[in-house]
């Protein structure tokens, strides 16, 4: 499966199928939350949260690709990511794009 953030794939004619998306909601781990709160005192990267969000993006991408594969897509163009707070301590990550078939 080809994933691109442009609306074209060089050298390919595309037939648009449909919007596809994948999402996940991640919550903070209490142990992770305590250690990361100490890190905010001295500053710097919150590595545990960074890792959590990277995992969330990967899972959302995987779910988007699975939806595209079910449609028989060859690629997903215009891939985008968004995140939002759902409640205190939980965030949603969504990956979305347009499933396409090569003509």
C-alpha atoms as a PDB file:
ATOM      1  CA  UNK A   1       0.000   0.000   0.000  1.00  0.00           C
ATOM      2  CA  UNK A   2       1.390   3.372  -1.032  1.00  0.00           C
ATOM      3  CA  UNK A   3       0.722   6.288   1.334  1.00  0.00           C
ATOM      4  CA  UNK A   4       1.434   9.861   0.238  1.00  0.00           C
ATOM      5  CA  UNK A   5       0.539  13.314   1.526  1.00  0.00           C
ATOM      6  CA  UNK A   6       0.026  14.683  -1.999  1.00  0.00           C
ATOM      7  CA  UNK A   7      -3.090  14.376  -4.166  1.00  0.00           C
ATOM      8  CA  UNK A   8      -1.196  12.497  -6.891  1.00  0.00           C
ATOM      9  CA  UNK A   9       1.363   9.729  -7.356  1.00  0.00           C
ATOM     10  CA  UNK A  10       3.875  10.555 -10.044  1.00  0.00           C
ATOM     11  CA  UNK A  11       3.431   8.413 -13.143  1.00  0.00           C
ATOM     12  CA  UNK A  12       0.097   6.907 -12.031  1.00  0.00           C
ATOM     13  CA  UNK A  13      -3.466   7.609 -13.159  1.00  0.00           C
ATOM     14  CA  UNK A  14      -5.770   7.405 -10.174  1.00  0.00           C
ATOM     15  CA  UNK A  15      -9.411   6.574  -9.713  1.00  0.00           C
ATOM     16  CA  UNK A  16     -10.762   7.934  -6.431  1.00  0.00           C
ATOM     17  CA  UNK A  17     -12.626   5.419  -4.280  1.00  0.00           C
ATOM     18  CA  UNK A  18     -13.551   6.994  -0.961  1.00  0.00           C
ATOM     19  CA  UNK A  19     -12.415   8.710   2.196  1.00  0.00           C
ATOM     20  CA  UNK A  20     -10.704   6.276   4.566  1.00  0.00           C
ATOM     21  CA  UNK A  21      -9.771   6.823   8.171  1.00  0.00           C
ATOM     22  CA  UNK A  22      -8.360   5.128  11.200  1.00  0.00           C
ATOM     23  CA  UNK A  23      -8.338   6.345  14.761  1.00  0.00           C
ATOM     24  CA  UNK A  24      -7.398   5.422  18.281  1.00  0.00           C
ATOM     25  CA  UNK A  25      -7.834   6.970  21.701  1.00  0.00           C
ATOM     26  CA  UNK A  26      -4.906   6.725  24.069  1.00  0.00           C
ATOM     27  CA  UNK A  27      -4.899   7.486  27.761  1.00  0.00           C
ATOM     28  CA  UNK A  28      -2.036   8.326  30.041  1.00  0.00           C
ATOM     29  CA  UNK A  29      -0.585   5.663  32.292  1.00  0.00           C
ATOM     30  CA  UNK A  30      -0.536   6.809  35.944  1.00  0.00           C
ATOM     31  CA  UNK A  31       3.108   5.770  36.366  1.00  0.00           C
ATOM     32  CA  UNK A  32       4.064   7.513  33.152  1.00  0.00           C
ATOM     33  CA  UNK A  33       2.052  10.575  34.175  1.00  0.00           C
ATOM     34  CA  UNK A  34       3.870  10.929  37.509  1.00  0.00           C
ATOM     35  CA  UNK A  35       7.358  10.619  36.002  1.00  0.00           C
ATOM     36  CA  UNK A  36       6.522  12.992  33.154  1.00  0.00           C
ATOM     37  CA  UNK A  37       5.096  15.588  35.544  1.00  0.00           C
ATOM     38  CA  UNK A  38       8.506  15.732  37.253  1.00  0.00           C
ATOM     39  CA  UNK A  39      10.101  16.297  33.842  1.00  0.00           C
ATOM     40  CA  UNK A  40       7.967  19.424  33.327  1.00  0.00           C
ATOM     41  CA  UNK A  41       9.714  20.992  36.306  1.00  0.00           C
ATOM     42  CA  UNK A  42      13.153  20.903  34.670  1.00  0.00           C
ATOM     43  CA  UNK A  43      12.019  21.047  31.040  1.00  0.00           C
ATOM     44  CA  UNK A  44      12.910  18.940  28.050  1.00  0.00           C
ATOM     45  CA  UNK A  45      11.266  16.302  25.895  1.00  0.00           C
ATOM     46  CA  UNK A  46       8.528  14.173  27.420  1.00  0.00           C
ATOM     47  CA  UNK A  47       9.802  10.964  25.844  1.00  0.00           C
ATOM     48  CA  UNK A  48       7.132   8.662  27.302  1.00  0.00           C
ATOM     49  CA  UNK A  49       4.359  10.847  25.841  1.00  0.00           C
ATOM     50  CA  UNK A  50       6.219  11.152  22.557  1.00  0.00           C
ATOM     51  CA  UNK A  51       6.431   7.350  22.373  1.00  0.00           C
ATOM     52  CA  UNK A  52       2.728   7.040  23.236  1.00  0.00           C
ATOM     53  CA  UNK A  53       1.727   9.440  20.450  1.00  0.00           C
ATOM     54  CA  UNK A  54       4.022   7.708  17.925  1.00  0.00           C
ATOM     55  CA  UNK A  55       2.349   4.387  18.778  1.00  0.00           C
ATOM     56  CA  UNK A  56      -1.080   6.009  18.438  1.00  0.00           C
ATOM     57  CA  UNK A  57      -0.218   7.428  14.984  1.00  0.00           C
ATOM     58  CA  UNK A  58       1.075   4.025  13.867  1.00  0.00           C
ATOM     59  CA  UNK A  59      -2.123   2.294  15.026  1.00  0.00           C
ATOM     60  CA  UNK A  60      -4.362   4.920  13.391  1.00  0.00           C
ATOM     61  CA  UNK A  61      -2.385   4.549  10.137  1.00  0.00           C
ATOM     62  CA  UNK A  62      -2.698   0.750  10.277  1.00  0.00           C
ATOM     63  CA  UNK A  63      -6.471   1.006  10.705  1.00  0.00           C
ATOM     64  CA  UNK A  64      -6.740   3.471   7.811  1.00  0.00           C
ATOM     65  CA  UNK A  65      -4.735   1.125   5.553  1.00  0.00           C
ATOM     66  CA  UNK A  66      -6.936  -1.839   6.545  1.00  0.00           C
ATOM     67  CA  UNK A  67     -10.047   0.135   5.553  1.00  0.00           C
ATOM     68  CA  UNK A  68      -8.456   1.037   2.201  1.00  0.00           C
ATOM     69  CA  UNK A  69      -7.444  -2.585   1.564  1.00  0.00           C
ATOM     70  CA  UNK A  70     -11.029  -3.727   2.179  1.00  0.00           C
ATOM     71  CA  UNK A  71     -12.083  -1.439  -0.693  1.00  0.00           C
ATOM     72  CA  UNK A  72      -9.422  -2.865  -2.993  1.00  0.00           C
ATOM     73  CA  UNK A  73      -7.369   0.339  -2.987  1.00  0.00           C
ATOM     74  CA  UNK A  74      -3.815   0.450  -4.303  1.00  0.00           C
ATOM     75  CA  UNK A  75      -2.865   3.597  -2.389  1.00  0.00           C
ATOM     76  CA  UNK A  76      -4.059   6.362  -0.089  1.00  0.00           C
ATOM     77  CA  UNK A  77      -3.404   9.956  -1.160  1.00  0.00           C
ATOM     78  CA  UNK A  78      -3.698  13.198   0.805  1.00  0.00           C
ATOM     79  CA  UNK A  79      -2.855  11.406   4.059  1.00  0.00           C
ATOM     80  CA  UNK A  80      -3.328  13.681   7.057  1.00  0.00           C
ATOM     81  CA  UNK A  81      -3.187  13.314  10.841  1.00  0.00           C
ATOM     82  CA  UNK A  82      -5.076  15.140  13.541  1.00  0.00           C
ATOM     83  CA  UNK A  83      -5.245  14.819  17.293  1.00  0.00           C
ATOM     84  CA  UNK A  84      -7.514  16.196  19.944  1.00  0.00           C
ATOM     85  CA  UNK A  85      -8.098  15.922  23.657  1.00  0.00           C
ATOM     86  CA  UNK A  86     -11.137  13.770  24.383  1.00  0.00           C
ATOM     87  CA  UNK A  87     -11.080  14.231  28.146  1.00  0.00           C
ATOM     88  CA  UNK A  88      -8.426  14.992  30.720  1.00  0.00           C
ATOM     89  CA  UNK A  89      -5.675  12.451  30.246  1.00  0.00           C
ATOM     90  CA  UNK A  90      -6.933  11.009  26.924  1.00  0.00           C
ATOM     91  CA  UNK A  91      -6.264  12.002  23.323  1.00  0.00           C
ATOM     92  CA  UNK A  92      -7.599  10.830  19.977  1.00  0.00           C
ATOM     93  CA  UNK A  93      -5.340  10.462  16.958  1.00  0.00           C
ATOM     94  CA  UNK A  94      -6.951  10.108  13.544  1.00  0.00           C
ATOM     95  CA  UNK A  95      -5.317   9.341  10.203  1.00  0.00           C
ATOM     96  CA  UNK A  96      -7.353  10.010   7.060  1.00  0.00           C
ATOM     97  CA  UNK A  97      -6.952  10.236   3.325  1.00  0.00           C
ATOM     98  CA  UNK A  98      -8.467   9.258  -0.015  1.00  0.00           C
ATOM     99  CA  UNK A  99      -8.317   5.636  -1.113  1.00  0.00           C
ATOM    100  CA  UNK A 100      -7.441   5.311  -4.799  1.00  0.00           C
ATOM    101  CA  UNK A 101      -7.075   2.586  -7.383  1.00  0.00           C
ATOM    102  CA  UNK A 102      -4.548   2.687 -10.232  1.00  0.00           C
ATOM    103  CA  UNK A 103      -6.114   2.889 -13.697  1.00  0.00           C
END
